[in-house]
Structures are given as C-alpha cells and as structure tokens.
C-alpha cells in the first residue's frame, strides 16, 4: 500500500480579496459547522485584530489569535449536526463571561461571545480561506520578544480601545 500524494490546502493567495465582495464562508476542520460573514467590506480596509491574551492564545493554540469583532446580524452560523459546544470563560480581565464556542467533533475554535459586547461575535479567523489585515493588536504588552511588528497595526497595551503602546 502506497501513501497518497499529499494535498496542500489553505493557500490564501488562491482566493483574491475581490472574490469576497459579498461576504465569506468558512468551516471548522471537519466541516460540520459553517460560518458566513455577510459583509462586503471585509477587505476594503484593515478589519481584524490580533489578541495576545492568555485565553485567546489557549483557544487558538498559538502565540496569537486572529479575530474579527463583528455585529451578530452580519453572521450566519450553520450547525446542522449540533456539533457546537460552549465553554463559559469567567477568567477574564473584565470579570464578565466570554462564551467560547468550538466544534465538539474536531475541536476547531469558532467564535467567542463576550458579555461586555452582547451584539457582537468575535470570530476565529482560522476558519476562513482568507484573513483580513488586522487593524489592531490587543494585549500587545504580552507579545513575545521574537515576534515581528506589523506596520500600521495599532497596539493596545491590554484591552482594545485602552492605552496604546505606541502611536
């Protein structure tokens, strides 16, 4: 029995930003949950944000989480198999709950629902074929010293909208 030729997936350059003029759909790893963003301006300006807080790093399984804060009415979630699981995270800087949603089949992080922003979802951008350029970094004071700097991205010391690290 021979090993099949590997197929490489996930090249964002295979998806020009113009192909998402009406929005964009992404899925978890197993495909049981799909998330569609209905917003034609995803790539017209920097939109996403990078978060370096410990909780986002844990949820993302990396040194930073690529997120997009977006109004709930612009998001459609399909979970036909009922795979979405929720974890109530109370260990937050605000002391308010952040409900962290993930696929119970494959473990992919889907989104967070912060109690302090009840009309917003924080989507986990790894689900999508392309990630908008970030406009900001939160908890930038928690960055590792070996990380590069993203030009033009506002760095907030901790919470987004709080004290900036540099102008």
Protein backbone atom coordinates (compact mmCIF):
# COMPACT_ATOMS: atom_id res chain seq x y z
CA UNK A 1 0.00 0.00 0.00
CA UNK A 2 1.47 3.35 -1.01
CA UNK A 3 0.96 6.69 0.63
CA UNK A 4 -1.17 9.08 -1.40
CA UNK A 5 0.42 12.29 -2.63
CA UNK A 6 -0.21 14.95 -0.01
CA UNK A 7 -2.51 17.79 -0.97
CA UNK A 8 -1.61 21.17 0.40
CA UNK A 9 -4.54 23.28 1.49
CA UNK A 10 -5.17 26.73 2.78
CA UNK A 11 -3.25 29.00 0.42
CA UNK A 12 -4.93 32.39 0.95
CA UNK A 13 -3.39 33.63 -2.30
CA UNK A 14 -5.68 31.22 -4.16
CA UNK A 15 -8.57 33.45 -3.02
CA UNK A 16 -8.25 37.07 -4.15
CA UNK A 17 -9.97 39.52 -1.79
CA UNK A 18 -12.26 40.57 -4.66
CA UNK A 19 -13.87 37.10 -4.56
CA UNK A 20 -15.39 38.05 -1.19
CA UNK A 21 -17.20 41.21 -2.30
CA UNK A 22 -20.50 39.94 -0.82
CA UNK A 23 -19.02 38.11 2.16
CA UNK A 24 -17.12 34.96 3.01
CA UNK A 25 -17.81 31.46 4.34
CA UNK A 26 -15.52 29.27 6.40
CA UNK A 27 -15.85 25.93 8.16
CA UNK A 28 -14.41 24.02 11.05
CA UNK A 29 -11.89 21.30 10.23
CA UNK A 30 -14.50 18.51 9.90
CA UNK A 31 -16.97 20.76 8.04
CA UNK A 32 -19.91 20.24 10.38
CA UNK A 33 -20.09 23.96 11.29
CA UNK A 34 -20.02 26.72 8.72
CA UNK A 35 -19.87 30.43 9.38
CA UNK A 36 -20.81 33.01 6.76
CA UNK A 37 -19.95 36.67 7.13
CA UNK A 38 -22.36 38.91 5.20
CA UNK A 39 -20.20 42.00 4.86
CA UNK A 40 -18.84 43.19 1.55
CA UNK A 41 -16.23 45.45 3.14
CA UNK A 42 -14.12 42.73 4.75
CA UNK A 43 -11.09 43.54 2.62
CA UNK A 44 -11.66 47.22 1.83
CA UNK A 45 -9.69 48.32 4.93
CA UNK A 46 -7.96 46.68 7.90
CA UNK A 47 -10.65 44.93 9.96
CA UNK A 48 -9.37 42.11 12.12
CA UNK A 49 -7.47 42.15 15.34
CA UNK A 50 -4.76 40.04 16.87
CA UNK A 51 -5.13 39.11 20.52
CA UNK A 52 -2.23 38.07 22.72
CA UNK A 53 -4.18 37.45 25.94
CA UNK A 54 -3.57 34.05 27.53
CA UNK A 55 -7.15 32.89 26.97
CA UNK A 56 -7.16 33.67 23.23
CA UNK A 57 -3.74 32.03 22.88
CA UNK A 58 -5.07 28.89 24.55
CA UNK A 59 -8.23 28.83 22.43
CA UNK A 60 -6.23 29.47 19.26
CA UNK A 61 -3.44 27.04 20.12
CA UNK A 62 -0.85 29.60 19.08
CA UNK A 63 1.11 32.64 20.24
CA UNK A 64 -1.66 34.94 18.95
CA UNK A 65 -5.30 34.64 17.92
CA UNK A 66 -6.55 36.16 14.67
CA UNK A 67 -10.03 37.51 15.43
CA UNK A 68 -12.74 39.62 13.85
CA UNK A 69 -15.22 41.51 16.01
CA UNK A 70 -18.42 41.82 14.01
CA UNK A 71 -22.10 42.51 14.57
CA UNK A 72 -24.18 39.37 15.08
CA UNK A 73 -26.65 40.35 12.36
CA UNK A 74 -23.85 40.09 9.78
CA UNK A 75 -23.08 36.47 10.69
CA UNK A 76 -24.87 33.25 9.76
CA UNK A 77 -23.92 30.06 11.57
CA UNK A 78 -25.00 26.65 10.31
CA UNK A 79 -24.63 23.71 12.67
CA UNK A 80 -26.86 21.00 11.15
CA UNK A 81 -25.31 18.20 13.24
CA UNK A 82 -25.48 20.10 16.53
CA UNK A 83 -21.69 19.99 16.93
CA UNK A 84 -21.22 23.41 18.51
CA UNK A 85 -20.07 23.24 22.12
CA UNK A 86 -19.76 26.16 24.51
CA UNK A 87 -17.42 26.92 27.37
CA UNK A 88 -18.16 29.75 29.79
CA UNK A 89 -14.87 31.53 30.48
CA UNK A 90 -15.10 33.65 33.62
CA UNK A 91 -11.32 34.10 33.97
CA UNK A 92 -11.38 37.39 32.07
CA UNK A 93 -9.97 40.84 32.71
CA UNK A 94 -13.46 42.32 32.83
CA UNK A 95 -14.74 39.66 35.21
CA UNK A 96 -17.62 39.10 32.79
CA UNK A 97 -18.23 35.88 30.94
CA UNK A 98 -16.85 35.19 27.48
CA UNK A 99 -18.61 32.19 25.99
CA UNK A 100 -16.10 30.35 23.83
CA UNK A 101 -17.64 28.21 21.08
CA UNK A 102 -15.92 25.31 19.35
CA UNK A 103 -16.73 22.22 17.30
CA UNK A 104 -17.31 19.20 19.53
CA UNK A 105 -16.19 16.89 16.70
CA UNK A 106 -12.88 18.35 15.53
CA UNK A 107 -12.16 20.93 18.25
CA UNK A 108 -11.87 23.93 15.92
CA UNK A 109 -12.47 27.24 17.68
CA UNK A 110 -15.44 29.01 16.08
CA UNK A 111 -16.09 32.24 17.97
CA UNK A 112 -16.41 33.95 21.29
CA UNK A 113 -19.45 35.75 22.66
CA UNK A 114 -18.31 38.42 25.15
CA UNK A 115 -20.93 39.51 27.69
CA UNK A 116 -19.49 43.04 27.56
CA UNK A 117 -20.40 43.24 23.83
CA UNK A 118 -23.75 41.41 23.61
CA UNK A 119 -24.40 42.45 19.99
CA UNK A 120 -21.03 41.18 18.72
CA UNK A 121 -19.33 37.92 17.86
CA UNK A 122 -15.57 37.53 17.97
CA UNK A 123 -14.99 35.17 15.05
CA UNK A 124 -11.89 33.00 14.92
CA UNK A 125 -10.45 33.79 11.52
CA UNK A 126 -8.59 30.50 11.04
CA UNK A 127 -11.92 29.09 9.79
CA UNK A 128 -11.88 31.24 6.69
CA UNK A 129 -10.00 30.99 3.39
CA UNK A 130 -8.51 34.46 3.81
CA UNK A 131 -7.95 36.71 6.84
CA UNK A 132 -8.45 40.49 6.65
CA UNK A 133 -5.45 42.61 7.54
CA UNK A 134 -5.61 43.42 11.25
CA UNK A 135 -6.23 46.96 12.39
CA UNK A 136 -5.19 46.40 16.00
CA UNK A 137 -3.46 44.13 18.48
CA UNK A 138 -4.84 43.71 21.97
CA UNK A 139 -2.70 42.61 24.92
CA UNK A 140 0.31 43.66 22.85
CA UNK A 141 2.27 44.04 26.11
CA UNK A 142 2.04 40.23 26.32
CA UNK A 143 3.76 39.67 22.96
CA UNK A 144 6.88 37.52 22.81
CA UNK A 145 10.07 39.45 22.16
CA UNK A 146 10.76 37.40 19.00
CA UNK A 147 7.53 38.41 17.26
CA UNK A 148 7.77 40.84 14.39
CA UNK A 149 5.91 44.14 14.33
CA UNK A 150 3.00 44.59 11.95
CA UNK A 151 3.33 48.01 10.32
CA UNK A 152 0.24 50.20 10.61
CA UNK A 153 -1.40 47.99 13.26
CA UNK A 154 -2.34 49.85 16.45
CA UNK A 155 -1.01 48.10 19.55
CA UNK A 156 -3.06 48.33 22.73
CA UNK A 157 -1.22 47.51 25.95
CA UNK A 158 -4.07 45.27 27.10
CA UNK A 159 -7.71 45.75 26.09
CA UNK A 160 -8.67 47.08 22.70
CA UNK A 161 -9.54 50.74 22.97
CA UNK A 162 -7.38 51.17 26.09
CA UNK A 163 -3.87 52.55 26.50
CA UNK A 164 -1.77 52.32 23.33
CA UNK A 165 1.81 51.06 23.45
CA UNK A 166 2.94 53.48 20.79
CA UNK A 167 1.38 55.99 18.45
